[in-house]
């Protein structure tokens, strides 16, 4: 492993060491990293697609509009929970790594910064890919459902969709990291999850 053992001094850490640890972990399992990026992308694409759907005028327009609002709410909540649970399990699997860092003297802020950096390195590109996937979803919807709905892609929704996805990922990261940092080092190192 390319982990360089250094003593942690008074809260000063080089960004190079942090970046190397995060990038090394992302490279360890490229398939898992790609899946996590695509999970965020799918969530953003679903949110943006559903926010942009409008029923065409007609007798069924109020029914379709109500159904779309309900579907948007449910899908946003469910996808947020799934993203948070996925990140929770990913960080929980790394309890021993966190324990080793704590054993070497890393403070909680350093561990949190590593995990948050990794989360952001995956979530931001995932949100960007999700915006691009929204255009593909629009094409499919307009090809198959053009008689019933219109699909507008509003760039004003991009920050909200990205914030929901990134917030879900951060929540799923912070909770297990907080648990690992608060436990005794011996318990963290001995747990086998």
Protein backbone atom coordinates (compact mmCIF):
# COMPACT_ATOMS: atom_id res chain seq x y z
CA UNK A 1 0.00 0.00 0.00
CA UNK A 2 1.22 3.49 -0.80
CA UNK A 3 0.25 4.84 2.61
CA UNK A 4 3.12 6.88 3.99
CA UNK A 5 3.24 6.81 7.76
CA UNK A 6 3.73 10.30 9.08
CA UNK A 7 3.26 11.76 12.47
CA UNK A 8 0.40 14.19 12.67
CA UNK A 9 1.59 17.52 14.07
CA UNK A 10 -0.66 20.21 15.51
CA UNK A 11 -3.33 20.13 12.82
CA UNK A 12 -1.04 20.97 9.88
CA UNK A 13 -1.28 18.55 7.00
CA UNK A 14 -0.22 18.87 3.46
CA UNK A 15 -2.90 18.84 0.81
CA UNK A 16 -0.67 16.48 -1.17
CA UNK A 17 -0.90 13.76 1.49
CA UNK A 18 -4.68 14.16 1.73
CA UNK A 19 -5.09 14.07 -2.03
CA UNK A 20 -2.82 11.04 -2.35
CA UNK A 21 -4.82 9.11 0.25
CA UNK A 22 -8.14 9.96 -1.37
CA UNK A 23 -6.99 9.24 -4.93
CA UNK A 24 -5.35 5.99 -3.82
CA UNK A 25 -8.62 4.86 -2.28
CA UNK A 26 -10.61 5.79 -5.39
CA UNK A 27 -8.13 3.91 -7.59
CA UNK A 28 -8.30 0.84 -5.36
CA UNK A 29 -11.77 0.02 -6.61
CA UNK A 30 -12.50 1.78 -9.90
CA UNK A 31 -15.71 -0.19 -10.45
CA UNK A 32 -17.11 0.91 -7.09
CA UNK A 33 -16.08 4.49 -7.83
CA UNK A 34 -17.83 4.40 -11.22
CA UNK A 35 -20.97 2.94 -9.67
CA UNK A 36 -21.06 5.67 -7.02
CA UNK A 37 -20.61 8.37 -9.68
CA UNK A 38 -23.41 6.84 -11.78
CA UNK A 39 -25.68 6.58 -8.73
CA UNK A 40 -25.36 10.31 -8.14
CA UNK A 41 -25.80 10.94 -11.90
CA UNK A 42 -28.97 8.86 -12.01
CA UNK A 43 -30.43 10.68 -9.02
CA UNK A 44 -29.74 14.11 -10.56
CA UNK A 45 -31.13 12.99 -13.93
CA UNK A 46 -34.32 11.65 -12.33
CA UNK A 47 -34.88 14.83 -10.33
CA UNK A 48 -34.27 17.14 -13.27
CA UNK A 49 -36.35 15.04 -15.64
CA UNK A 50 -39.31 14.91 -13.30
CA UNK A 51 -39.08 18.61 -12.41
CA UNK A 52 -39.16 19.48 -16.12
CA UNK A 53 -42.17 17.40 -17.15
CA UNK A 54 -45.35 19.29 -17.93
CA UNK A 55 -48.59 17.72 -19.14
CA UNK A 56 -50.04 18.97 -22.41
CA UNK A 57 -53.42 20.66 -22.31
CA UNK A 58 -56.37 18.34 -22.41
CA UNK A 59 -58.82 16.43 -20.28
CA UNK A 60 -56.21 14.41 -18.42
CA UNK A 61 -53.78 17.29 -17.75
CA UNK A 62 -54.76 17.80 -14.06
CA UNK A 63 -54.48 14.08 -13.37
CA UNK A 64 -51.09 13.85 -15.06
CA UNK A 65 -49.86 16.98 -13.24
CA UNK A 66 -50.86 15.58 -9.84
CA UNK A 67 -49.28 12.24 -10.63
CA UNK A 68 -46.04 13.93 -11.73
CA UNK A 69 -45.83 15.99 -8.54
CA UNK A 70 -46.37 12.88 -6.42
CA UNK A 71 -43.85 10.87 -8.46
CA UNK A 72 -41.26 13.65 -8.22
CA UNK A 73 -41.61 13.83 -4.45
CA UNK A 74 -41.47 10.07 -3.90
CA UNK A 75 -38.57 9.48 -6.30
CA UNK A 76 -36.57 12.35 -4.82
CA UNK A 77 -37.03 11.03 -1.28
CA UNK A 78 -36.33 7.40 -2.19
CA UNK A 79 -33.27 8.22 -4.28
CA UNK A 80 -31.91 10.45 -1.51
CA UNK A 81 -32.30 7.65 1.01
CA UNK A 82 -30.66 5.13 -1.35
CA UNK A 83 -27.69 7.43 -2.00
CA UNK A 84 -27.26 8.11 1.72
CA UNK A 85 -27.45 4.40 2.58
CA UNK A 86 -24.92 3.55 -0.15
CA UNK A 87 -22.44 6.07 1.18
CA UNK A 88 -23.14 4.96 4.76
CA UNK A 89 -22.21 1.38 3.91
CA UNK A 90 -19.12 2.47 1.97
CA UNK A 91 -17.76 4.50 4.89
CA UNK A 92 -18.77 1.80 7.40
CA UNK A 93 -16.65 -0.70 5.45
CA UNK A 94 -13.65 1.57 6.00
CA UNK A 95 -13.83 1.58 9.80
CA UNK A 96 -10.47 -0.14 10.15
CA UNK A 97 -8.78 2.40 7.87
CA UNK A 98 -10.25 5.16 10.00
CA UNK A 99 -9.03 3.35 13.12
CA UNK A 100 -5.50 3.11 11.71
CA UNK A 101 -5.47 6.83 10.96
CA UNK A 102 -6.68 7.55 14.48
CA UNK A 103 -4.05 5.20 15.91
CA UNK A 104 -1.39 7.15 14.01
CA UNK A 105 -2.67 10.32 15.65
CA UNK A 106 -4.96 11.82 13.02
CA UNK A 107 -7.55 14.11 14.56
CA UNK A 108 -11.22 13.87 13.71
CA UNK A 109 -11.07 16.94 11.47
CA UNK A 110 -8.44 15.31 9.28
CA UNK A 111 -10.47 12.11 8.91
CA UNK A 112 -13.61 14.09 8.12
CA UNK A 113 -11.76 16.18 5.55
CA UNK A 114 -10.49 13.04 3.79
CA UNK A 115 -13.94 11.48 3.64
CA UNK A 116 -15.64 14.71 2.58
CA UNK A 117 -13.02 15.29 -0.11
CA UNK A 118 -13.60 11.80 -1.47
CA UNK A 119 -17.36 12.31 -1.39
CA UNK A 120 -17.11 15.60 -3.26
CA UNK A 121 -14.69 14.14 -5.82
CA UNK A 122 -17.35 11.59 -6.69
CA UNK A 123 -20.54 13.61 -6.18
CA UNK A 124 -19.65 16.70 -8.22
CA UNK A 125 -18.76 14.80 -11.42
CA UNK A 126 -21.79 12.59 -10.78
CA UNK A 127 -24.07 15.63 -10.65
CA UNK A 128 -22.51 16.96 -13.86
CA UNK A 129 -23.04 13.64 -15.64
CA UNK A 130 -26.61 13.62 -14.31
CA UNK A 131 -27.29 16.95 -16.00
CA UNK A 132 -26.07 15.47 -19.29
CA UNK A 133 -28.23 12.37 -18.77
CA UNK A 134 -31.23 14.64 -18.38
CA UNK A 135 -30.87 15.66 -22.02
CA UNK A 136 -30.85 11.99 -23.04
CA UNK A 137 -33.97 11.37 -20.94
CA UNK A 138 -35.63 14.37 -22.57
CA UNK A 139 -34.96 12.94 -26.02
CA UNK A 140 -36.43 9.55 -25.03
CA UNK A 141 -39.51 11.15 -23.45
CA UNK A 142 -40.16 13.39 -26.42
CA UNK A 143 -39.77 10.43 -28.77
CA UNK A 144 -42.23 8.18 -26.92
CA UNK A 145 -44.52 10.53 -24.95
CA UNK A 146 -44.68 13.70 -27.03
CA UNK A 147 -48.48 13.47 -27.32
CA UNK A 148 -48.97 13.62 -23.55
CA UNK A 149 -46.17 15.65 -21.95
CA UNK A 150 -43.52 18.22 -22.67
CA UNK A 151 -40.09 18.06 -21.11
CA UNK A 152 -38.23 21.29 -20.32
CA UNK A 153 -34.76 21.31 -18.88
CA UNK A 154 -34.56 24.28 -16.57
CA UNK A 155 -31.02 25.26 -15.67
CA UNK A 156 -32.41 26.95 -12.56
CA UNK A 157 -33.11 23.47 -11.12
CA UNK A 158 -29.53 22.25 -11.62
CA UNK A 159 -28.20 23.61 -8.30
CA UNK A 160 -31.15 22.17 -6.35
CA UNK A 161 -30.82 18.72 -7.91
CA UNK A 162 -27.06 18.77 -7.35
CA UNK A 163 -27.52 19.94 -3.76
CA UNK A 164 -30.01 17.16 -3.03
CA UNK A 165 -27.65 14.50 -4.41
CA UNK A 166 -24.47 15.89 -2.89
CA UNK A 167 -26.28 16.48 0.42
CA UNK A 168 -27.48 12.87 0.47
CA UNK A 169 -23.95 11.62 -0.17
CA UNK A 170 -22.48 13.91 2.50
CA UNK A 171 -25.10 12.81 5.03
CA UNK A 172 -24.30 9.18 4.29
CA UNK A 173 -20.61 9.96 4.81
CA UNK A 174 -20.79 12.07 7.95
CA UNK A 175 -22.90 9.72 10.09
CA UNK A 176 -20.61 6.64 10.02
CA UNK A 177 -17.48 8.81 10.10
CA UNK A 178 -18.76 10.51 13.24
CA UNK A 179 -19.49 7.09 14.76
CA UNK A 180 -16.00 5.83 13.92
CA UNK A 181 -14.28 8.94 15.27
CA UNK A 182 -16.20 8.81 18.56
CA UNK A 183 -15.47 5.14 19.25
CA UNK A 184 -12.33 4.02 21.01
CA UNK A 185 -9.50 3.18 18.62
CA UNK A 186 -9.31 -0.44 19.86
CA UNK A 187 -13.00 -1.00 19.12
CA UNK A 188 -12.70 0.49 15.64
CA UNK A 189 -9.63 -1.59 14.83
CA UNK A 190 -11.18 -4.82 16.11
CA UNK A 191 -14.54 -4.48 14.34
CA UNK A 192 -15.00 -6.69 11.32
CA UNK A 193 -17.76 -5.27 9.16
